[in-house]
Amino acid sequence: MIGAPTNKNEYLNYMIEKYSNMVYRIALTRTNNKHDSEDIFQEVFLRVTKKMPVFESEEHEKAWIIRVTINCSNNLLTSSWRKKTEQLEENIEFETKERHDIFYEVSKLPKKYRTVIYLFYYEGYKINEISKILNTNESTVKTWLSRAREKLKENIGIGGIFENE
C-alpha cells in the first residue's frame, strides 16, 4: 500500500500500531483465552513480517489481517496439542457489570457467532463485507448474526439493544 514502509522493522511497527488492538480482540473473541490470543497475535505479525504483502487499498489490508487472524485462530483451536490440554478459567476484569455480563454471554456463543458479532458491532463491517472476509454466503452471515442476537437476547434479557439495524 502507498505510504507503508519498505524496511521490515518499520513495516512491522506500522502494522502493529495500526492493527494490534483489532488482531488481539478478534483472537480473544475466537479463543476466549488471553494467552492463546497473545500467541495468535505474535503469529499474525510474524506472518505479516515474513510476507510483507502489498495491498490495493486500506480495506484490502484490513481484510487480509482479519483473515490471517481467523486462520491462525482456527489453526490453534484445531491443533492436536490443544485437544489434549485442559483450559484454565480466565478472570478478566471490566469497568462495569454490564460489560462483564455481555462479554461472558458473547463468549458462550459458538465461535462463528462470536466472530460475526465482533466484526459487525466492533469493527463496523457490513454483512456483505463479513461474508467476503469469512468466505461464506451473505445469507449465512445474516443467519449467524440473527441467531447470535436471539441467543444474547434470551440469555441477557435485553430487548432493544439490537433494534434499528
N, C-alpha and C. Protein backbone atom coordinates (compact mmCIF):
# COMPACT_ATOMS: atom_id res chain seq x y z
N MET A 1 0.83 -1.17 0.00
CA MET A 1 0.00 0.00 0.00
C MET A 1 0.88 1.24 0.00
N ILE A 2 0.43 2.27 -0.64
CA ILE A 2 1.19 3.52 -0.72
C ILE A 2 1.36 4.09 0.68
N GLY A 3 2.56 4.51 1.01
CA GLY A 3 2.83 5.10 2.30
C GLY A 3 3.30 4.11 3.35
N ALA A 4 3.22 2.81 3.06
CA ALA A 4 3.69 1.80 4.01
C ALA A 4 5.21 1.71 3.89
N PRO A 5 5.91 1.57 5.00
CA PRO A 5 7.37 1.46 4.98
C PRO A 5 7.84 0.20 4.24
N THR A 6 9.04 0.25 3.70
CA THR A 6 9.59 -0.90 2.98
C THR A 6 10.58 -1.68 3.84
N ASN A 7 11.15 -1.07 4.86
CA ASN A 7 12.05 -1.73 5.79
C ASN A 7 11.21 -2.67 6.67
N LYS A 8 11.69 -3.92 6.91
CA LYS A 8 10.91 -4.90 7.67
C LYS A 8 10.53 -4.42 9.06
N ASN A 9 11.47 -3.86 9.79
CA ASN A 9 11.17 -3.39 11.14
C ASN A 9 10.16 -2.25 11.14
N GLU A 10 10.33 -1.31 10.23
CA GLU A 10 9.39 -0.19 10.14
C GLU A 10 8.01 -0.68 9.71
N TYR A 11 8.00 -1.64 8.78
CA TYR A 11 6.74 -2.20 8.29
C TYR A 11 6.00 -2.91 9.43
N LEU A 12 6.73 -3.70 10.21
CA LEU A 12 6.13 -4.40 11.35
C LEU A 12 5.58 -3.40 12.36
N ASN A 13 6.36 -2.39 12.70
CA ASN A 13 5.89 -1.37 13.64
C ASN A 13 4.65 -0.65 13.13
N TYR A 14 4.64 -0.35 11.85
CA TYR A 14 3.50 0.31 11.20
C TYR A 14 2.24 -0.56 11.32
N MET A 15 2.36 -1.85 11.01
CA MET A 15 1.21 -2.76 11.04
C MET A 15 0.74 -3.01 12.48
N ILE A 16 1.68 -3.17 13.41
CA ILE A 16 1.30 -3.39 14.81
C ILE A 16 0.58 -2.17 15.35
N GLU A 17 1.11 -1.00 15.08
CA GLU A 17 0.47 0.22 15.56
C GLU A 17 -0.95 0.35 15.01
N LYS A 18 -1.12 -0.04 13.78
CA LYS A 18 -2.40 0.13 13.11
C LYS A 18 -3.42 -0.95 13.50
N TYR A 19 -2.97 -2.19 13.68
CA TYR A 19 -3.91 -3.31 13.82
C TYR A 19 -3.79 -4.13 15.10
N SER A 20 -2.93 -3.76 16.01
CA SER A 20 -2.71 -4.60 17.20
C SER A 20 -3.97 -4.84 18.00
N ASN A 21 -4.73 -3.79 18.29
CA ASN A 21 -5.95 -3.95 19.08
C ASN A 21 -6.95 -4.85 18.38
N MET A 22 -7.15 -4.64 17.10
CA MET A 22 -8.11 -5.44 16.35
C MET A 22 -7.71 -6.91 16.34
N VAL A 23 -6.45 -7.20 16.05
CA VAL A 23 -5.97 -8.59 15.99
C VAL A 23 -6.16 -9.26 17.34
N TYR A 24 -5.78 -8.59 18.40
CA TYR A 24 -5.92 -9.18 19.74
C TYR A 24 -7.39 -9.43 20.07
N ARG A 25 -8.26 -8.47 19.78
CA ARG A 25 -9.68 -8.63 20.10
C ARG A 25 -10.31 -9.76 19.30
N ILE A 26 -9.97 -9.89 18.02
CA ILE A 26 -10.51 -10.99 17.23
C ILE A 26 -10.03 -12.32 17.81
N ALA A 27 -8.76 -12.40 18.12
CA ALA A 27 -8.20 -13.64 18.68
C ALA A 27 -8.88 -13.97 20.01
N LEU A 28 -9.09 -12.97 20.86
CA LEU A 28 -9.74 -13.19 22.14
C LEU A 28 -11.20 -13.61 21.94
N THR A 29 -11.85 -13.00 20.98
CA THR A 29 -13.23 -13.36 20.67
C THR A 29 -13.34 -14.82 20.25
N ARG A 30 -12.37 -15.28 19.50
CA ARG A 30 -12.43 -16.65 18.99
C ARG A 30 -11.93 -17.69 19.99
N THR A 31 -10.99 -17.33 20.85
CA THR A 31 -10.39 -18.33 21.74
C THR A 31 -10.89 -18.26 23.18
N ASN A 32 -11.39 -17.10 23.60
CA ASN A 32 -11.80 -16.87 24.99
C ASN A 32 -10.65 -17.08 25.96
N ASN A 33 -9.43 -16.84 25.52
CA ASN A 33 -8.27 -17.08 26.37
C ASN A 33 -7.20 -16.05 26.02
N LYS A 34 -6.77 -15.26 27.00
CA LYS A 34 -5.81 -14.19 26.69
C LYS A 34 -4.44 -14.72 26.29
N HIS A 35 -4.02 -15.87 26.83
CA HIS A 35 -2.72 -16.41 26.48
C HIS A 35 -2.71 -16.93 25.04
N ASP A 36 -3.77 -17.61 24.64
CA ASP A 36 -3.90 -18.05 23.25
C ASP A 36 -3.98 -16.84 22.32
N SER A 37 -4.67 -15.81 22.76
CA SER A 37 -4.80 -14.59 21.96
C SER A 37 -3.44 -13.93 21.73
N GLU A 38 -2.61 -13.95 22.76
CA GLU A 38 -1.26 -13.39 22.63
C GLU A 38 -0.42 -14.22 21.66
N ASP A 39 -0.58 -15.54 21.70
CA ASP A 39 0.14 -16.41 20.75
C ASP A 39 -0.30 -16.13 19.32
N ILE A 40 -1.59 -15.98 19.14
CA ILE A 40 -2.13 -15.69 17.81
C ILE A 40 -1.64 -14.33 17.33
N PHE A 41 -1.65 -13.35 18.22
CA PHE A 41 -1.15 -12.02 17.91
C PHE A 41 0.28 -12.10 17.35
N GLN A 42 1.13 -12.83 18.05
CA GLN A 42 2.52 -12.97 17.60
C GLN A 42 2.60 -13.66 16.25
N GLU A 43 1.82 -14.71 16.07
CA GLU A 43 1.84 -15.45 14.81
C GLU A 43 1.38 -14.58 13.64
N VAL A 44 0.33 -13.80 13.86
CA VAL A 44 -0.18 -12.93 12.79
C VAL A 44 0.89 -11.94 12.35
N PHE A 45 1.54 -11.29 13.30
CA PHE A 45 2.52 -10.28 12.93
C PHE A 45 3.84 -10.90 12.45
N LEU A 46 4.09 -12.12 12.83
CA LEU A 46 5.21 -12.85 12.25
C LEU A 46 4.95 -13.10 10.76
N ARG A 47 3.74 -13.50 10.44
CA ARG A 47 3.37 -13.73 9.03
C ARG A 47 3.39 -12.43 8.23
N VAL A 48 2.95 -11.35 8.86
CA VAL A 48 2.99 -10.05 8.20
C VAL A 48 4.43 -9.70 7.84
N THR A 49 5.35 -9.91 8.79
CA THR A 49 6.76 -9.59 8.58
C THR A 49 7.38 -10.47 7.50
N LYS A 50 7.05 -11.75 7.51
CA LYS A 50 7.61 -12.66 6.52
C LYS A 50 7.15 -12.32 5.10
N LYS A 51 5.86 -12.04 4.96
CA LYS A 51 5.30 -11.82 3.62
C LYS A 51 5.44 -10.39 3.13
N MET A 52 5.34 -9.44 4.06
CA MET A 52 5.33 -8.02 3.71
C MET A 52 4.46 -7.76 2.47
N PRO A 53 3.18 -8.14 2.54
CA PRO A 53 2.31 -8.01 1.36
C PRO A 53 2.07 -6.55 0.97
N VAL A 54 1.81 -6.36 -0.30
CA VAL A 54 1.45 -5.04 -0.82
C VAL A 54 -0.05 -5.09 -1.10
N PHE A 55 -0.77 -4.11 -0.63
CA PHE A 55 -2.22 -4.11 -0.73
C PHE A 55 -2.72 -3.05 -1.70
N GLU A 56 -3.89 -3.34 -2.28
CA GLU A 56 -4.53 -2.41 -3.21
C GLU A 56 -5.08 -1.19 -2.49
N SER A 57 -5.58 -1.44 -1.27
CA SER A 57 -6.23 -0.36 -0.52
C SER A 57 -6.15 -0.68 0.97
N GLU A 58 -6.57 0.28 1.77
CA GLU A 58 -6.60 0.07 3.21
C GLU A 58 -7.62 -1.00 3.59
N GLU A 59 -8.73 -1.05 2.85
CA GLU A 59 -9.76 -2.08 3.10
C GLU A 59 -9.20 -3.47 2.84
N HIS A 60 -8.44 -3.61 1.77
CA HIS A 60 -7.83 -4.89 1.43
C HIS A 60 -6.83 -5.29 2.53
N GLU A 61 -6.06 -4.34 2.99
CA GLU A 61 -5.08 -4.58 4.05
C GLU A 61 -5.77 -5.08 5.32
N LYS A 62 -6.83 -4.38 5.73
CA LYS A 62 -7.55 -4.74 6.95
C LYS A 62 -8.21 -6.12 6.81
N ALA A 63 -8.81 -6.38 5.68
CA ALA A 63 -9.46 -7.67 5.44
C ALA A 63 -8.43 -8.80 5.48
N TRP A 64 -7.24 -8.55 4.92
CA TRP A 64 -6.18 -9.57 4.92
C TRP A 64 -5.74 -9.87 6.35
N ILE A 65 -5.56 -8.85 7.16
CA ILE A 65 -5.16 -9.03 8.56
C ILE A 65 -6.23 -9.82 9.31
N ILE A 66 -7.49 -9.49 9.09
CA ILE A 66 -8.58 -10.22 9.76
C ILE A 66 -8.57 -11.69 9.34
N ARG A 67 -8.41 -11.93 8.05
CA ARG A 67 -8.41 -13.31 7.55
C ARG A 67 -7.24 -14.10 8.14
N VAL A 68 -6.06 -13.51 8.21
CA VAL A 68 -4.90 -14.18 8.79
C VAL A 68 -5.15 -14.47 10.27
N THR A 69 -5.75 -13.52 10.97
CA THR A 69 -6.06 -13.72 12.39
C THR A 69 -7.04 -14.87 12.58
N ILE A 70 -8.05 -14.93 11.76
CA ILE A 70 -9.04 -16.02 11.83
C ILE A 70 -8.37 -17.35 11.51
N ASN A 71 -7.53 -17.37 10.48
CA ASN A 71 -6.84 -18.61 10.12
C ASN A 71 -5.90 -19.08 11.24
N CYS A 72 -5.16 -18.16 11.83
CA CYS A 72 -4.27 -18.52 12.95
C CYS A 72 -5.08 -19.03 14.14
N SER A 73 -6.21 -18.41 14.39
CA SER A 73 -7.09 -18.87 15.47
C SER A 73 -7.58 -20.28 15.20
N ASN A 74 -8.02 -20.51 13.98
CA ASN A 74 -8.50 -21.84 13.60
C ASN A 74 -7.39 -22.88 13.75
N ASN A 75 -6.19 -22.53 13.31
CA ASN A 75 -5.06 -23.46 13.42
C ASN A 75 -4.80 -23.82 14.89
N LEU A 76 -4.83 -22.82 15.75
CA LEU A 76 -4.59 -23.09 17.17
C LEU A 76 -5.72 -23.94 17.76
N LEU A 77 -6.95 -23.58 17.45
CA LEU A 77 -8.09 -24.27 18.04
C LEU A 77 -8.24 -25.71 17.56
N THR A 78 -7.71 -26.01 16.39
CA THR A 78 -7.84 -27.38 15.87
C THR A 78 -6.55 -28.19 16.01
N SER A 79 -5.54 -27.62 16.64
CA SER A 79 -4.27 -28.34 16.77
C SER A 79 -4.44 -29.55 17.68
N SER A 80 -3.69 -30.59 17.40
CA SER A 80 -3.79 -31.81 18.21
C SER A 80 -3.30 -31.55 19.63
N TRP A 81 -2.33 -30.67 19.81
CA TRP A 81 -1.85 -30.34 21.14
C TRP A 81 -2.98 -29.76 21.98
N ARG A 82 -3.75 -28.85 21.41
CA ARG A 82 -4.83 -28.19 22.15
C ARG A 82 -5.91 -29.19 22.57
N LYS A 83 -6.16 -30.17 21.74
CA LYS A 83 -7.20 -31.16 22.05
C LYS A 83 -6.82 -31.99 23.28
N LYS A 84 -5.53 -32.03 23.60
CA LYS A 84 -5.06 -32.84 24.72
C LYS A 84 -4.80 -32.01 25.97
N THR A 85 -5.19 -30.76 25.97
CA THR A 85 -4.95 -29.90 27.13
C THR A 85 -6.26 -29.50 27.78
N GLU A 86 -6.17 -29.06 29.00
CA GLU A 86 -7.33 -28.60 29.77
C GLU A 86 -7.27 -27.08 29.87
N GLN A 87 -8.38 -26.40 29.60
CA GLN A 87 -8.43 -24.94 29.67
C GLN A 87 -8.50 -24.49 31.13
N LEU A 88 -7.76 -23.46 31.47
CA LEU A 88 -7.85 -22.84 32.79
C LEU A 88 -8.89 -21.74 32.73
N GLU A 89 -9.54 -21.48 33.84
CA GLU A 89 -10.56 -20.44 33.91
C GLU A 89 -9.89 -19.07 33.85
N GLU A 90 -10.39 -18.20 32.98
CA GLU A 90 -9.88 -16.83 32.85
C GLU A 90 -10.68 -15.91 33.78
N ASN A 91 -10.03 -14.93 34.34
CA ASN A 91 -10.71 -13.95 35.16
C ASN A 91 -10.36 -12.57 34.63
N ILE A 92 -11.15 -12.08 33.69
CA ILE A 92 -10.90 -10.80 33.04
C ILE A 92 -11.72 -9.74 33.77
N GLU A 93 -11.09 -8.58 34.04
CA GLU A 93 -11.76 -7.52 34.77
C GLU A 93 -12.36 -6.51 33.81
N PHE A 94 -13.54 -5.96 34.19
CA PHE A 94 -14.27 -4.99 33.38
C PHE A 94 -14.63 -3.78 34.21
N GLU A 95 -14.88 -2.64 33.52
CA GLU A 95 -15.24 -1.41 34.21
C GLU A 95 -16.62 -1.50 34.85
N THR A 96 -17.56 -2.16 34.16
CA THR A 96 -18.93 -2.23 34.67
C THR A 96 -19.42 -3.67 34.64
N LYS A 97 -20.43 -3.93 35.44
CA LYS A 97 -21.04 -5.26 35.47
C LYS A 97 -21.69 -5.59 34.12
N GLU A 98 -22.27 -4.59 33.45
CA GLU A 98 -22.92 -4.82 32.16
C GLU A 98 -21.92 -5.32 31.13
N ARG A 99 -20.75 -4.68 31.07
CA ARG A 99 -19.71 -5.11 30.12
C ARG A 99 -19.25 -6.53 30.43
N HIS A 100 -19.12 -6.84 31.71
CA HIS A 100 -18.73 -8.17 32.16
C HIS A 100 -19.77 -9.20 31.68
N ASP A 101 -21.05 -8.91 31.93
CA ASP A 101 -22.12 -9.83 31.56
C ASP A 101 -22.19 -10.04 30.05
N ILE A 102 -22.10 -8.95 29.31
CA ILE A 102 -22.17 -9.06 27.85
C ILE A 102 -20.99 -9.85 27.31
N PHE A 103 -19.77 -9.55 27.81
CA PHE A 103 -18.59 -10.28 27.34
C PHE A 103 -18.76 -11.78 27.56
N TYR A 104 -19.17 -12.17 28.76
CA TYR A 104 -19.29 -13.60 29.04
C TYR A 104 -20.43 -14.26 28.30
N GLU A 105 -21.50 -13.54 28.03
CA GLU A 105 -22.58 -14.11 27.22
C GLU A 105 -22.13 -14.28 25.77
N VAL A 106 -21.41 -13.30 25.25
CA VAL A 106 -20.88 -13.42 23.89
C VAL A 106 -19.87 -14.56 23.82
N SER A 107 -19.04 -14.70 24.85
CA SER A 107 -18.02 -15.76 24.84
C SER A 107 -18.63 -17.15 24.91
N LYS A 108 -19.87 -17.27 25.36
CA LYS A 108 -20.56 -18.56 25.39
C LYS A 108 -21.10 -18.97 24.02
N LEU A 109 -21.23 -18.01 23.13
CA LEU A 109 -21.76 -18.29 21.79
C LEU A 109 -20.78 -19.16 21.01
N PRO A 110 -21.28 -19.91 20.04
CA PRO A 110 -20.37 -20.65 19.15
C PRO A 110 -19.41 -19.68 18.46
N LYS A 111 -18.25 -20.17 18.09
CA LYS A 111 -17.18 -19.35 17.51
C LYS A 111 -17.67 -18.53 16.31
N LYS A 112 -18.44 -19.13 15.42
CA LYS A 112 -18.90 -18.41 14.22
C LYS A 112 -19.79 -17.23 14.60
N TYR A 113 -20.61 -17.39 15.65
CA TYR A 113 -21.47 -16.29 16.09
C TYR A 113 -20.64 -15.19 16.74
N ARG A 114 -19.67 -15.58 17.56
CA ARG A 114 -18.80 -14.58 18.21
C ARG A 114 -18.08 -13.75 17.16
N THR A 115 -17.62 -14.42 16.12
CA THR A 115 -16.86 -13.74 15.07
C THR A 115 -17.71 -12.72 14.33
N VAL A 116 -18.93 -13.10 13.92
CA VAL A 116 -19.76 -12.14 13.18
C VAL A 116 -20.21 -11.00 14.09
N ILE A 117 -20.49 -11.30 15.36
CA ILE A 117 -20.85 -10.23 16.31
C ILE A 117 -19.70 -9.23 16.41
N TYR A 118 -18.48 -9.73 16.56
CA TYR A 118 -17.33 -8.85 16.68
C TYR A 118 -17.14 -8.00 15.40
N LEU A 119 -17.13 -8.65 14.25
CA LEU A 119 -16.89 -7.92 13.01
C LEU A 119 -18.00 -6.90 12.73
N PHE A 120 -19.23 -7.25 13.05
CA PHE A 120 -20.36 -6.36 12.78
C PHE A 120 -20.39 -5.18 13.75
N TYR A 121 -20.33 -5.47 15.05
CA TYR A 121 -20.51 -4.42 16.04
C TYR A 121 -19.23 -3.68 16.41
N TYR A 122 -18.11 -4.36 16.47
CA TYR A 122 -16.89 -3.71 16.92
C TYR A 122 -16.06 -3.15 15.78
N GLU A 123 -16.04 -3.85 14.66
CA GLU A 123 -15.25 -3.36 13.52
C GLU A 123 -16.11 -2.61 12.51
N GLY A 124 -17.43 -2.70 12.63
CA GLY A 124 -18.33 -1.93 11.77
C GLY A 124 -18.46 -2.44 10.35
N TYR A 125 -18.15 -3.70 10.13
CA TYR A 125 -18.29 -4.26 8.79
C TYR A 125 -19.75 -4.52 8.47
N LYS A 126 -20.08 -4.38 7.19
CA LYS A 126 -21.42 -4.72 6.71
C LYS A 126 -21.47 -6.22 6.43
N ILE A 127 -22.66 -6.74 6.31
CA ILE A 127 -22.85 -8.18 6.12
C ILE A 127 -22.13 -8.68 4.87
N ASN A 128 -22.21 -7.94 3.78
CA ASN A 128 -21.54 -8.38 2.55
C ASN A 128 -20.02 -8.40 2.71
N GLU A 129 -19.48 -7.48 3.50
CA GLU A 129 -18.04 -7.45 3.75
C GLU A 129 -17.62 -8.63 4.64
N ILE A 130 -18.44 -8.92 5.64
CA ILE A 130 -18.14 -10.06 6.52
C ILE A 130 -18.17 -11.35 5.73
N SER A 131 -19.12 -11.47 4.82
CA SER A 131 -19.20 -12.70 4.02
C SER A 131 -17.94 -12.90 3.17
N LYS A 132 -17.37 -11.82 2.67
CA LYS A 132 -16.13 -11.92 1.90
C LYS A 132 -14.96 -12.31 2.80
N ILE A 133 -14.88 -11.69 3.97
CA ILE A 133 -13.79 -11.98 4.90
C ILE A 133 -13.84 -13.43 5.35
N LEU A 134 -15.05 -13.92 5.67
CA LEU A 134 -15.20 -15.28 6.17
C LEU A 134 -15.36 -16.31 5.06
N ASN A 135 -15.41 -15.80 3.83
CA ASN A 135 -15.54 -16.68 2.66
C ASN A 135 -16.79 -17.56 2.76
N THR A 136 -17.91 -16.90 3.04
CA THR A 136 -19.19 -17.59 3.15
C THR A 136 -20.29 -16.73 2.53
N ASN A 137 -21.47 -17.29 2.37
CA ASN A 137 -22.60 -16.56 1.76
C ASN A 137 -23.11 -15.46 2.67
N GLU A 138 -23.64 -14.40 2.07
CA GLU A 138 -24.23 -13.31 2.84
C GLU A 138 -25.40 -13.82 3.67
N SER A 139 -26.20 -14.72 3.10
CA SER A 139 -27.36 -15.24 3.84
C SER A 139 -26.91 -16.02 5.07
N THR A 140 -25.77 -16.70 4.98
CA THR A 140 -25.24 -17.43 6.13
C THR A 140 -24.83 -16.45 7.22
N VAL A 141 -24.17 -15.37 6.84
CA VAL A 141 -23.75 -14.35 7.81
C VAL A 141 -24.98 -13.73 8.47
N LYS A 142 -26.02 -13.43 7.67
CA LYS A 142 -27.26 -12.88 8.23
C LYS A 142 -27.87 -13.84 9.25
N THR A 143 -27.88 -15.12 8.91
CA THR A 143 -28.44 -16.12 9.80
C THR A 143 -27.64 -16.20 11.09
N TRP A 144 -26.32 -16.25 10.99
CA TRP A 144 -25.46 -16.32 12.17
C TRP A 144 -25.67 -15.10 13.07
N LEU A 145 -25.73 -13.92 12.44
CA LEU A 145 -25.91 -12.69 13.20
C LEU A 145 -27.28 -12.68 13.89
N SER A 146 -28.29 -13.11 13.18
CA SER A 146 -29.64 -13.17 13.75
C SER A 146 -29.70 -14.16 14.91
N ARG A 147 -29.13 -15.32 14.74
CA ARG A 147 -29.14 -16.33 15.80
C ARG A 147 -28.32 -15.87 17.02
N ALA A 148 -27.21 -15.22 16.75
CA ALA A 148 -26.39 -14.70 17.86
C ALA A 148 -27.17 -13.66 18.65
N ARG A 149 -27.84 -12.77 17.95
CA ARG A 149 -28.64 -11.74 18.63
C ARG A 149 -29.74 -12.37 19.48
N GLU A 150 -30.43 -13.36 18.90
CA GLU A 150 -31.50 -14.03 19.63
C GLU A 150 -30.98 -14.70 20.90
N LYS A 151 -29.85 -15.39 20.78
CA LYS A 151 -29.27 -16.05 21.95
C LYS A 151 -28.89 -15.03 23.02
N LEU A 152 -28.32 -13.92 22.58
CA LEU A 152 -27.95 -12.88 23.55
C LEU A 152 -29.18 -12.27 24.20
N LYS A 153 -30.24 -12.05 23.42
CA LYS A 153 -31.48 -11.51 23.98
C LYS A 153 -32.05 -12.46 25.02
N GLU A 154 -32.04 -13.75 24.71
CA GLU A 154 -32.56 -14.76 25.65
C GLU A 154 -31.71 -14.80 26.93
N ASN A 155 -30.40 -14.84 26.76
CA ASN A 155 -29.50 -15.05 27.89
C ASN A 155 -29.32 -13.82 28.77
N ILE A 156 -29.33 -12.64 28.18
CA ILE A 156 -29.09 -11.43 28.96
C ILE A 156 -30.40 -10.73 29.28
N GLY A 157 -31.42 -11.01 28.47
CA GLY A 157 -32.70 -10.36 28.70
C GLY A 157 -32.70 -8.92 28.27
N ILE A 158 -32.04 -8.63 27.15
CA ILE A 158 -32.00 -7.26 26.65
C ILE A 158 -32.84 -7.18 25.39
N GLY A 159 -33.90 -6.42 25.45
CA GLY A 159 -34.83 -6.36 24.33
C GLY A 159 -34.40 -5.46 23.21
N GLY A 160 -34.05 -4.22 23.49
CA GLY A 160 -33.87 -3.25 22.43
C GLY A 160 -32.46 -3.01 21.96
N ILE A 161 -31.50 -3.77 22.43
CA ILE A 161 -30.11 -3.48 22.10
C ILE A 161 -29.79 -3.64 20.61
N PHE A 162 -30.48 -4.55 19.92
CA PHE A 162 -30.17 -4.81 18.52
C PHE A 162 -31.19 -4.22 17.57
N GLU A 163 -32.03 -3.35 18.04
CA GLU A 163 -33.06 -2.75 17.21
C GLU A 163 -32.44 -1.74 16.23
N ASN A 164 -33.19 -1.39 15.20
CA ASN A 164 -32.81 -0.37 14.21
C ASN A 164 -31.56 -0.73 13.42
N GLU A 165 -31.42 -1.95 13.02
CA GLU A 165 -30.26 -2.33 12.18
C GLU A 165 -30.73 -2.92 10.89
